[in-house]
Amino acid sequence: MVRRCSAGVAILALLAGCGGGSGPLAGSRTPAPSRTPAATGTAAASAPVLVFFQRQGAAGATLDTFTVRRDGSGRLEKRYGGAGGRFKDLTLDKGELPRLRAALAHLPRSGSTLTSGSPRSGGAHYLLRYRGRTFTAREGGVVPDARPVVRVLDGFIDGVGVQRVRRENATHEP
């Protein structure tokens, strides 16, 4: 009987995530998106999402995301493999939103992969969500029609094409 109880407790612990955090997202890698301005502190957070972009593995154990909203605002989230993360609400530079929309218009109409050939190992992996579709790609093998989109969104993550920080917070202070 004791053995069965111990096995049951172990299984429940695994299912719970054993993350040491609290709240509904403790075992989750990515937080659920918030749609209310009160939850994010900015009115622009309620603008509809245009595109979501994720870059994983560039320069180590990183998971960087950038969400662009239809009004030209954006949300940068950088996570550092267990060492916390930084979160910024940004505004795109003037002219970046039309440039991004033009690049998005050239995405392939079918399929979900934006990779061709055999990219080198160790490069970044990309995930892009646009108009209800999810695309994936690997650094060094992005198909020509998708390169402008990846280049622009990757630049936003690196601070290129963003105008100013409207709000910033971090999980850990440096």
N, C-alpha and C. Protein backbone atom coordinates (compact mmCIF):
# COMPACT_ATOMS: atom_id res chain seq x y z
N MET A 1 0.82 -1.20 0.00
CA MET A 1 0.00 0.00 0.00
C MET A 1 0.86 1.26 0.00
N VAL A 2 1.92 1.28 0.82
CA VAL A 2 2.80 2.44 0.89
C VAL A 2 3.48 2.66 -0.45
N ARG A 3 3.88 1.56 -1.11
CA ARG A 3 4.54 1.65 -2.40
C ARG A 3 3.60 2.29 -3.44
N ARG A 4 2.31 1.92 -3.42
CA ARG A 4 1.35 2.49 -4.36
C ARG A 4 1.15 3.98 -4.09
N CYS A 5 1.08 4.38 -2.84
CA CYS A 5 0.92 5.80 -2.50
C CYS A 5 2.14 6.60 -2.96
N SER A 6 3.34 6.04 -2.74
CA SER A 6 4.56 6.74 -3.15
C SER A 6 4.59 6.91 -4.66
N ALA A 7 4.20 5.87 -5.39
CA ALA A 7 4.17 5.96 -6.85
C ALA A 7 3.13 6.98 -7.29
N GLY A 8 1.99 7.02 -6.63
CA GLY A 8 0.95 7.99 -6.97
C GLY A 8 1.41 9.42 -6.73
N VAL A 9 2.10 9.66 -5.61
CA VAL A 9 2.61 11.00 -5.30
C VAL A 9 3.65 11.40 -6.33
N ALA A 10 4.53 10.48 -6.73
CA ALA A 10 5.56 10.78 -7.72
C ALA A 10 4.93 11.15 -9.07
N ILE A 11 3.90 10.43 -9.46
CA ILE A 11 3.23 10.72 -10.74
C ILE A 11 2.55 12.08 -10.67
N LEU A 12 1.88 12.38 -9.55
CA LEU A 12 1.24 13.69 -9.41
C LEU A 12 2.26 14.82 -9.45
N ALA A 13 3.41 14.60 -8.84
CA ALA A 13 4.46 15.62 -8.85
C ALA A 13 4.96 15.87 -10.27
N LEU A 14 5.12 14.80 -11.04
CA LEU A 14 5.55 14.97 -12.43
C LEU A 14 4.51 15.71 -13.25
N LEU A 15 3.25 15.36 -13.06
CA LEU A 15 2.18 16.01 -13.80
C LEU A 15 2.05 17.48 -13.42
N ALA A 16 2.34 17.82 -12.18
CA ALA A 16 2.24 19.20 -11.72
C ALA A 16 3.38 20.06 -12.24
N GLY A 17 4.45 19.46 -12.68
CA GLY A 17 5.56 20.23 -13.26
C GLY A 17 6.72 20.42 -12.33
N CYS A 18 6.56 20.23 -11.04
CA CYS A 18 7.64 20.38 -10.07
C CYS A 18 8.49 21.61 -10.33
N GLY A 19 7.87 22.71 -10.71
CA GLY A 19 8.63 23.88 -11.13
C GLY A 19 9.09 24.79 -10.02
N GLY A 20 8.54 24.68 -8.84
CA GLY A 20 8.94 25.57 -7.78
C GLY A 20 8.31 26.95 -7.90
N GLY A 21 7.55 27.21 -8.96
CA GLY A 21 6.87 28.49 -9.11
C GLY A 21 5.49 28.40 -8.52
N SER A 22 4.74 29.46 -8.68
CA SER A 22 3.38 29.42 -8.20
C SER A 22 2.47 29.92 -9.29
N GLY A 23 1.21 29.62 -9.17
CA GLY A 23 0.23 30.10 -10.13
C GLY A 23 0.02 29.12 -11.26
N PRO A 24 -0.91 29.45 -12.14
CA PRO A 24 -1.30 28.52 -13.20
C PRO A 24 -0.23 28.31 -14.26
N LEU A 25 0.77 29.20 -14.35
CA LEU A 25 1.78 29.06 -15.40
C LEU A 25 3.09 28.49 -14.89
N ALA A 26 3.13 28.03 -13.66
CA ALA A 26 4.40 27.59 -13.08
C ALA A 26 5.07 26.51 -13.90
N GLY A 27 4.33 25.58 -14.49
CA GLY A 27 4.94 24.51 -15.27
C GLY A 27 5.00 24.81 -16.76
N SER A 28 4.58 25.98 -17.17
CA SER A 28 4.49 26.32 -18.57
C SER A 28 5.70 27.13 -19.01
N ARG A 29 6.17 26.90 -20.23
CA ARG A 29 7.32 27.64 -20.76
C ARG A 29 6.92 29.00 -21.30
N THR A 30 5.71 29.11 -21.87
CA THR A 30 5.30 30.40 -22.43
C THR A 30 4.00 30.82 -21.79
N PRO A 31 3.92 32.07 -21.34
CA PRO A 31 2.71 32.53 -20.69
C PRO A 31 1.58 32.70 -21.70
N ALA A 32 0.37 32.57 -21.19
CA ALA A 32 -0.79 32.80 -22.04
C ALA A 32 -0.86 34.27 -22.37
N PRO A 33 -1.22 34.62 -23.61
CA PRO A 33 -1.27 36.03 -23.97
C PRO A 33 -2.39 36.74 -23.23
N SER A 34 -2.13 37.96 -22.84
CA SER A 34 -3.14 38.77 -22.18
C SER A 34 -3.79 39.67 -23.21
N ARG A 35 -5.08 39.84 -23.11
CA ARG A 35 -5.78 40.67 -24.08
C ARG A 35 -6.33 41.95 -23.43
N THR A 36 -6.09 42.15 -22.15
CA THR A 36 -6.66 43.31 -21.49
C THR A 36 -5.58 44.33 -21.17
N PRO A 37 -5.88 45.62 -21.37
CA PRO A 37 -4.91 46.64 -21.05
C PRO A 37 -4.53 46.64 -19.58
N ALA A 38 -5.46 46.33 -18.69
CA ALA A 38 -5.17 46.34 -17.26
C ALA A 38 -4.10 45.32 -16.91
N ALA A 39 -4.08 44.19 -17.60
CA ALA A 39 -3.11 43.14 -17.29
C ALA A 39 -1.70 43.51 -17.73
N THR A 40 -1.56 44.34 -18.75
CA THR A 40 -0.24 44.68 -19.27
C THR A 40 0.18 46.09 -18.92
N GLY A 41 -0.77 46.92 -18.54
CA GLY A 41 -0.43 48.28 -18.17
C GLY A 41 -0.40 49.25 -19.34
N THR A 42 -0.69 48.79 -20.55
CA THR A 42 -0.70 49.70 -21.69
C THR A 42 -1.96 49.50 -22.50
N ALA A 43 -2.50 50.59 -23.00
CA ALA A 43 -3.71 50.50 -23.82
C ALA A 43 -3.44 49.80 -25.13
N ALA A 44 -2.21 49.94 -25.68
CA ALA A 44 -1.89 49.34 -26.97
C ALA A 44 -1.91 47.82 -26.92
N ALA A 45 -1.79 47.24 -25.75
CA ALA A 45 -1.79 45.79 -25.64
C ALA A 45 -3.12 45.20 -26.08
N SER A 46 -4.15 46.04 -26.17
CA SER A 46 -5.44 45.53 -26.60
C SER A 46 -5.58 45.54 -28.12
N ALA A 47 -4.62 46.13 -28.83
CA ALA A 47 -4.67 46.12 -30.29
C ALA A 47 -4.50 44.69 -30.78
N PRO A 48 -5.20 44.31 -31.85
CA PRO A 48 -5.09 42.94 -32.37
C PRO A 48 -3.66 42.62 -32.83
N VAL A 49 -3.30 41.37 -32.68
CA VAL A 49 -1.96 40.91 -33.08
C VAL A 49 -1.91 40.76 -34.59
N LEU A 50 -0.85 41.29 -35.19
CA LEU A 50 -0.60 41.11 -36.62
C LEU A 50 0.21 39.84 -36.84
N VAL A 51 1.34 39.71 -36.13
CA VAL A 51 2.22 38.56 -36.31
C VAL A 51 2.98 38.28 -35.01
N PHE A 52 3.22 37.01 -34.77
CA PHE A 52 4.02 36.56 -33.64
C PHE A 52 5.26 35.86 -34.21
N PHE A 53 6.42 36.15 -33.64
CA PHE A 53 7.68 35.58 -34.12
C PHE A 53 8.49 35.09 -32.93
N GLN A 54 9.04 33.90 -33.07
CA GLN A 54 9.87 33.31 -32.01
C GLN A 54 11.20 32.87 -32.59
N ARG A 55 12.27 33.18 -31.88
CA ARG A 55 13.62 32.75 -32.26
C ARG A 55 14.18 31.97 -31.08
N GLN A 56 14.55 30.73 -31.35
CA GLN A 56 15.07 29.88 -30.29
C GLN A 56 16.49 29.44 -30.63
N GLY A 57 17.37 29.54 -29.65
CA GLY A 57 18.70 28.97 -29.79
C GLY A 57 19.76 29.87 -30.36
N ALA A 58 19.44 31.09 -30.72
CA ALA A 58 20.47 32.00 -31.21
C ALA A 58 21.31 32.43 -30.03
N ALA A 59 22.60 32.26 -30.12
CA ALA A 59 23.54 32.68 -29.06
C ALA A 59 23.26 31.99 -27.73
N GLY A 60 23.09 30.70 -27.74
CA GLY A 60 22.93 29.95 -26.49
C GLY A 60 21.50 29.55 -26.20
N ALA A 61 21.24 29.31 -24.94
CA ALA A 61 19.94 28.82 -24.49
C ALA A 61 18.98 30.00 -24.35
N THR A 62 18.49 30.49 -25.47
CA THR A 62 17.58 31.63 -25.45
C THR A 62 16.26 31.28 -26.12
N LEU A 63 15.25 31.97 -25.71
CA LEU A 63 13.94 31.89 -26.33
C LEU A 63 13.43 33.32 -26.41
N ASP A 64 13.55 33.93 -27.59
CA ASP A 64 13.16 35.32 -27.79
C ASP A 64 11.90 35.36 -28.63
N THR A 65 10.94 36.21 -28.23
CA THR A 65 9.73 36.36 -29.02
C THR A 65 9.45 37.84 -29.25
N PHE A 66 8.82 38.12 -30.37
CA PHE A 66 8.38 39.48 -30.67
C PHE A 66 6.97 39.39 -31.25
N THR A 67 6.06 40.11 -30.63
CA THR A 67 4.68 40.18 -31.11
C THR A 67 4.45 41.58 -31.66
N VAL A 68 4.01 41.66 -32.90
CA VAL A 68 3.70 42.95 -33.53
C VAL A 68 2.19 43.07 -33.58
N ARG A 69 1.68 44.20 -33.08
CA ARG A 69 0.26 44.47 -33.13
C ARG A 69 -0.06 45.35 -34.34
N ARG A 70 -1.29 45.35 -34.75
CA ARG A 70 -1.70 46.06 -35.96
C ARG A 70 -1.52 47.57 -35.88
N ASP A 71 -1.38 48.11 -34.67
CA ASP A 71 -1.20 49.55 -34.51
C ASP A 71 0.28 49.97 -34.52
N GLY A 72 1.18 49.02 -34.73
CA GLY A 72 2.61 49.33 -34.76
C GLY A 72 3.30 49.22 -33.42
N SER A 73 2.60 48.76 -32.42
CA SER A 73 3.23 48.50 -31.13
C SER A 73 3.73 47.07 -31.12
N GLY A 74 4.61 46.77 -30.19
CA GLY A 74 5.17 45.42 -30.12
C GLY A 74 5.53 45.03 -28.71
N ARG A 75 5.74 43.75 -28.51
CA ARG A 75 6.13 43.21 -27.21
C ARG A 75 7.30 42.28 -27.43
N LEU A 76 8.44 42.60 -26.82
CA LEU A 76 9.64 41.78 -26.87
C LEU A 76 9.75 41.01 -25.58
N GLU A 77 9.96 39.70 -25.68
CA GLU A 77 10.17 38.85 -24.51
C GLU A 77 11.43 38.04 -24.75
N LYS A 78 12.41 38.21 -23.87
CA LYS A 78 13.68 37.47 -23.97
C LYS A 78 13.82 36.62 -22.73
N ARG A 79 13.97 35.33 -22.94
CA ARG A 79 14.15 34.39 -21.83
C ARG A 79 15.53 33.76 -21.96
N TYR A 80 16.18 33.55 -20.82
CA TYR A 80 17.57 33.11 -20.82
C TYR A 80 17.75 31.78 -20.10
N GLY A 81 17.25 30.70 -20.64
CA GLY A 81 17.52 29.35 -20.16
C GLY A 81 17.59 29.17 -18.66
N GLY A 82 16.60 29.61 -17.93
CA GLY A 82 16.56 29.42 -16.49
C GLY A 82 17.14 30.59 -15.72
N ALA A 83 17.69 31.58 -16.40
CA ALA A 83 18.29 32.73 -15.72
C ALA A 83 17.38 33.95 -15.78
N GLY A 84 16.11 33.74 -15.95
CA GLY A 84 15.17 34.86 -15.97
C GLY A 84 14.92 35.38 -17.36
N GLY A 85 14.40 36.59 -17.43
CA GLY A 85 14.10 37.17 -18.72
C GLY A 85 13.82 38.65 -18.63
N ARG A 86 13.71 39.28 -19.78
CA ARG A 86 13.40 40.71 -19.89
C ARG A 86 12.21 40.86 -20.84
N PHE A 87 11.35 41.81 -20.51
CA PHE A 87 10.11 42.02 -21.25
C PHE A 87 9.95 43.50 -21.52
N LYS A 88 9.72 43.85 -22.79
CA LYS A 88 9.62 45.26 -23.18
C LYS A 88 8.42 45.48 -24.08
N ASP A 89 7.69 46.56 -23.81
CA ASP A 89 6.65 47.03 -24.71
C ASP A 89 7.28 48.14 -25.54
N LEU A 90 7.23 48.01 -26.86
CA LEU A 90 7.95 48.89 -27.77
C LEU A 90 7.03 49.50 -28.81
N THR A 91 7.55 50.50 -29.50
CA THR A 91 6.89 51.08 -30.66
C THR A 91 7.83 50.89 -31.85
N LEU A 92 7.29 50.47 -32.99
CA LEU A 92 8.11 50.31 -34.18
C LEU A 92 8.49 51.67 -34.76
N ASP A 93 9.67 51.74 -35.39
CA ASP A 93 10.08 52.95 -36.11
C ASP A 93 9.07 53.24 -37.21
N LYS A 94 8.95 54.51 -37.53
CA LYS A 94 8.07 54.92 -38.63
C LYS A 94 8.51 54.21 -39.91
N GLY A 95 7.58 53.65 -40.62
CA GLY A 95 7.87 52.96 -41.87
C GLY A 95 8.09 51.46 -41.71
N GLU A 96 8.33 50.99 -40.50
CA GLU A 96 8.57 49.56 -40.29
C GLU A 96 7.31 48.71 -40.46
N LEU A 97 6.17 49.22 -40.01
CA LEU A 97 4.94 48.44 -40.12
C LEU A 97 4.56 48.20 -41.59
N PRO A 98 4.58 49.20 -42.46
CA PRO A 98 4.30 48.93 -43.88
C PRO A 98 5.33 47.98 -44.50
N ARG A 99 6.58 48.13 -44.12
CA ARG A 99 7.64 47.24 -44.62
C ARG A 99 7.38 45.80 -44.20
N LEU A 100 6.98 45.62 -42.96
CA LEU A 100 6.66 44.28 -42.46
C LEU A 100 5.44 43.71 -43.19
N ARG A 101 4.41 44.50 -43.35
CA ARG A 101 3.19 44.03 -44.04
C ARG A 101 3.51 43.59 -45.48
N ALA A 102 4.36 44.36 -46.15
CA ALA A 102 4.74 44.00 -47.53
C ALA A 102 5.49 42.68 -47.55
N ALA A 103 6.38 42.47 -46.57
CA ALA A 103 7.13 41.21 -46.50
C ALA A 103 6.20 40.04 -46.17
N LEU A 104 5.24 40.25 -45.28
CA LEU A 104 4.29 39.19 -44.92
C LEU A 104 3.45 38.78 -46.11
N ALA A 105 3.16 39.70 -47.01
CA ALA A 105 2.34 39.40 -48.19
C ALA A 105 3.02 38.39 -49.11
N HIS A 106 4.32 38.22 -49.00
CA HIS A 106 5.06 37.29 -49.87
C HIS A 106 5.27 35.91 -49.26
N LEU A 107 4.72 35.68 -48.07
CA LEU A 107 4.85 34.34 -47.48
C LEU A 107 4.16 33.32 -48.36
N PRO A 108 4.66 32.10 -48.41
CA PRO A 108 4.02 31.05 -49.21
C PRO A 108 2.56 30.83 -48.79
N ARG A 109 1.73 30.53 -49.74
CA ARG A 109 0.30 30.32 -49.47
C ARG A 109 -0.01 28.92 -48.96
N SER A 110 0.93 28.00 -49.11
CA SER A 110 0.69 26.63 -48.64
C SER A 110 1.92 26.12 -47.89
N GLY A 111 1.70 25.07 -47.13
CA GLY A 111 2.79 24.47 -46.36
C GLY A 111 3.03 25.20 -45.06
N SER A 112 3.85 24.60 -44.22
CA SER A 112 4.14 25.20 -42.92
C SER A 112 5.64 25.40 -42.71
N THR A 113 6.47 24.83 -43.55
CA THR A 113 7.90 25.01 -43.38
C THR A 113 8.42 26.09 -44.31
N LEU A 114 9.30 26.90 -43.80
CA LEU A 114 9.94 27.95 -44.58
C LEU A 114 11.42 27.63 -44.75
N THR A 115 11.77 26.35 -44.59
CA THR A 115 13.15 25.90 -44.69
C THR A 115 13.34 25.08 -45.95
N SER A 116 14.47 25.29 -46.61
CA SER A 116 14.84 24.44 -47.74
C SER A 116 16.29 24.01 -47.54
N GLY A 117 16.63 22.91 -48.15
CA GLY A 117 18.00 22.42 -48.05
C GLY A 117 18.31 21.82 -46.70
N SER A 118 19.59 21.81 -46.38
CA SER A 118 20.07 21.25 -45.10
C SER A 118 20.88 22.31 -44.35
N PRO A 119 20.19 23.15 -43.58
CA PRO A 119 20.91 24.19 -42.83
C PRO A 119 21.88 23.58 -41.83
N ARG A 120 22.91 24.34 -41.51
CA ARG A 120 23.90 23.86 -40.54
C ARG A 120 23.24 23.65 -39.19
N SER A 121 23.78 22.74 -38.42
CA SER A 121 23.24 22.50 -37.09
C SER A 121 23.72 23.61 -36.16
N GLY A 122 22.99 23.82 -35.10
CA GLY A 122 23.36 24.82 -34.12
C GLY A 122 22.82 26.21 -34.40
N GLY A 123 22.15 26.40 -35.53
CA GLY A 123 21.59 27.71 -35.83
C GLY A 123 20.25 27.91 -35.14
N ALA A 124 19.73 29.10 -35.26
CA ALA A 124 18.45 29.43 -34.64
C ALA A 124 17.30 28.71 -35.34
N HIS A 125 16.26 28.47 -34.58
CA HIS A 125 15.01 27.93 -35.09
C HIS A 125 13.97 29.04 -34.95
N TYR A 126 13.16 29.20 -36.00
CA TYR A 126 12.16 30.26 -36.01
C TYR A 126 10.76 29.66 -36.06
N LEU A 127 9.84 30.35 -35.42
CA LEU A 127 8.43 30.02 -35.49
C LEU A 127 7.70 31.32 -35.74
N LEU A 128 6.78 31.32 -36.70
CA LEU A 128 6.07 32.53 -37.08
C LEU A 128 4.59 32.20 -37.16
N ARG A 129 3.74 33.01 -36.53
CA ARG A 129 2.29 32.82 -36.60
C ARG A 129 1.69 34.06 -37.27
N TYR A 130 0.97 33.80 -38.36
CA TYR A 130 0.37 34.89 -39.12
C TYR A 130 -0.92 34.41 -39.77
N ARG A 131 -1.99 35.16 -39.56
CA ARG A 131 -3.31 34.85 -40.15
C ARG A 131 -3.77 33.42 -39.89
N GLY A 132 -3.59 32.97 -38.66
CA GLY A 132 -4.06 31.65 -38.28
C GLY A 132 -3.17 30.49 -38.72
N ARG A 133 -2.02 30.80 -39.33
CA ARG A 133 -1.10 29.75 -39.78
C ARG A 133 0.19 29.83 -38.98
N THR A 134 0.82 28.70 -38.80
CA THR A 134 2.11 28.63 -38.11
C THR A 134 3.15 28.12 -39.08
N PHE A 135 4.24 28.85 -39.19
CA PHE A 135 5.36 28.49 -40.06
C PHE A 135 6.60 28.23 -39.19
N THR A 136 7.46 27.35 -39.66
CA THR A 136 8.74 27.12 -39.00
C THR A 136 9.87 27.28 -40.01
N ALA A 137 11.04 27.64 -39.50
CA ALA A 137 12.22 27.78 -40.36
C ALA A 137 13.47 27.59 -39.52
N ARG A 138 14.58 27.33 -40.21
CA ARG A 138 15.88 27.18 -39.55
C ARG A 138 16.87 28.15 -40.18
N GLU A 139 17.65 28.76 -39.33
CA GLU A 139 18.67 29.70 -39.78
C GLU A 139 19.58 29.05 -40.82
N GLY A 140 19.82 29.76 -41.90
CA GLY A 140 20.68 29.24 -42.97
C GLY A 140 19.93 28.50 -44.05
N GLY A 141 18.63 28.29 -43.85
CA GLY A 141 17.85 27.56 -44.85
C GLY A 141 16.49 28.18 -45.11
N VAL A 142 16.32 29.46 -44.76
CA VAL A 142 15.04 30.13 -44.96
C VAL A 142 14.80 30.33 -46.45
N VAL A 143 13.62 29.94 -46.92
CA VAL A 143 13.28 30.07 -48.34
C VAL A 143 13.29 31.55 -48.74
N PRO A 144 13.62 31.85 -50.00
CA PRO A 144 13.75 33.25 -50.43
C PRO A 144 12.53 34.13 -50.15
N ASP A 145 11.31 33.62 -50.36
CA ASP A 145 10.12 34.44 -50.14
C ASP A 145 9.92 34.82 -48.67
N ALA A 146 10.49 34.06 -47.75
CA ALA A 146 10.32 34.33 -46.33
C ALA A 146 11.49 35.10 -45.71
N ARG A 147 12.59 35.23 -46.43
CA ARG A 147 13.77 35.90 -45.87
C ARG A 147 13.50 37.33 -45.41
N PRO A 148 12.77 38.15 -46.20
CA PRO A 148 12.51 39.52 -45.72
C PRO A 148 11.74 39.56 -44.40
N VAL A 149 10.75 38.70 -44.24
CA VAL A 149 9.97 38.66 -43.00
C VAL A 149 10.86 38.27 -41.84
N VAL A 150 11.62 37.20 -42.01
CA VAL A 150 12.49 36.73 -40.93
C VAL A 150 13.53 37.80 -40.60
N ARG A 151 14.10 38.44 -41.61
CA ARG A 151 15.11 39.48 -41.39
C ARG A 151 14.53 40.64 -40.57
N VAL A 152 13.33 41.11 -40.94
CA VAL A 152 12.70 42.23 -40.23
C VAL A 152 12.38 41.85 -38.79
N LEU A 153 11.71 40.71 -38.60
CA LEU A 153 11.31 40.30 -37.25
C LEU A 153 12.51 39.96 -36.38
N ASP A 154 13.51 39.33 -36.96
CA ASP A 154 14.74 39.03 -36.23
C ASP A 154 15.41 40.34 -35.80
N GLY A 155 15.37 41.33 -36.67
CA GLY A 155 15.92 42.64 -36.33
C GLY A 155 15.19 43.30 -35.18
N PHE A 156 13.85 43.18 -35.15
CA PHE A 156 13.09 43.74 -34.03
C PHE A 156 13.57 43.15 -32.70
N ILE A 157 13.81 41.84 -32.68
CA ILE A 157 14.31 41.20 -31.46
C ILE A 157 15.65 41.80 -31.05
N ASP A 158 16.49 42.10 -32.04
CA ASP A 158 17.82 42.66 -31.76
C ASP A 158 17.82 44.17 -31.59
N GLY A 159 16.65 44.80 -31.63
CA GLY A 159 16.56 46.24 -31.40
C GLY A 159 16.60 47.09 -32.65
N VAL A 160 16.60 46.47 -33.82
CA VAL A 160 16.63 47.21 -35.09
C VAL A 160 15.19 47.47 -35.53
N GLY A 161 14.88 48.75 -35.79
CA GLY A 161 13.54 49.08 -36.27
C GLY A 161 12.54 49.35 -35.18
N VAL A 162 12.98 49.41 -33.94
CA VAL A 162 12.08 49.75 -32.84
C VAL A 162 12.43 51.15 -32.34
N GLN A 163 11.42 51.92 -32.08
CA GLN A 163 11.59 53.33 -31.78
C GLN A 163 11.93 53.61 -30.33
N ARG A 164 11.13 53.10 -29.44
CA ARG A 164 11.37 53.41 -28.03
C ARG A 164 10.72 52.36 -27.15
N VAL A 165 11.21 52.29 -25.95
CA VAL A 165 10.64 51.39 -24.96
C VAL A 165 9.57 52.16 -24.20
N ARG A 166 8.38 51.60 -24.20
CA ARG A 166 7.29 52.23 -23.45
C ARG A 166 7.22 51.69 -22.04
N ARG A 167 7.65 50.45 -21.87
CA ARG A 167 7.62 49.83 -20.55
C ARG A 167 8.58 48.67 -20.57
N GLU A 168 9.30 48.46 -19.46
CA GLU A 168 10.26 47.36 -19.38
C GLU A 168 10.22 46.76 -17.98
N ASN A 169 10.32 45.44 -17.91
CA ASN A 169 10.45 44.77 -16.63
C ASN A 169 11.27 43.49 -16.82
N ALA A 170 11.72 42.93 -15.72
CA ALA A 170 12.57 41.74 -15.76
C ALA A 170 12.20 40.83 -14.60
N THR A 171 12.51 39.55 -14.77
CA THR A 171 12.26 38.60 -13.69
C THR A 171 13.33 38.67 -12.62
N HIS A 172 14.54 39.10 -12.99
CA HIS A 172 15.65 39.25 -12.05
C HIS A 172 16.35 40.57 -12.33
N GLU A 173 16.78 41.22 -11.29
CA GLU A 173 17.56 42.45 -11.46
C GLU A 173 19.01 42.10 -11.68
N PRO A 174 19.72 42.81 -12.59
CA PRO A 174 21.13 42.50 -12.87
C PRO A 174 22.03 42.82 -11.68
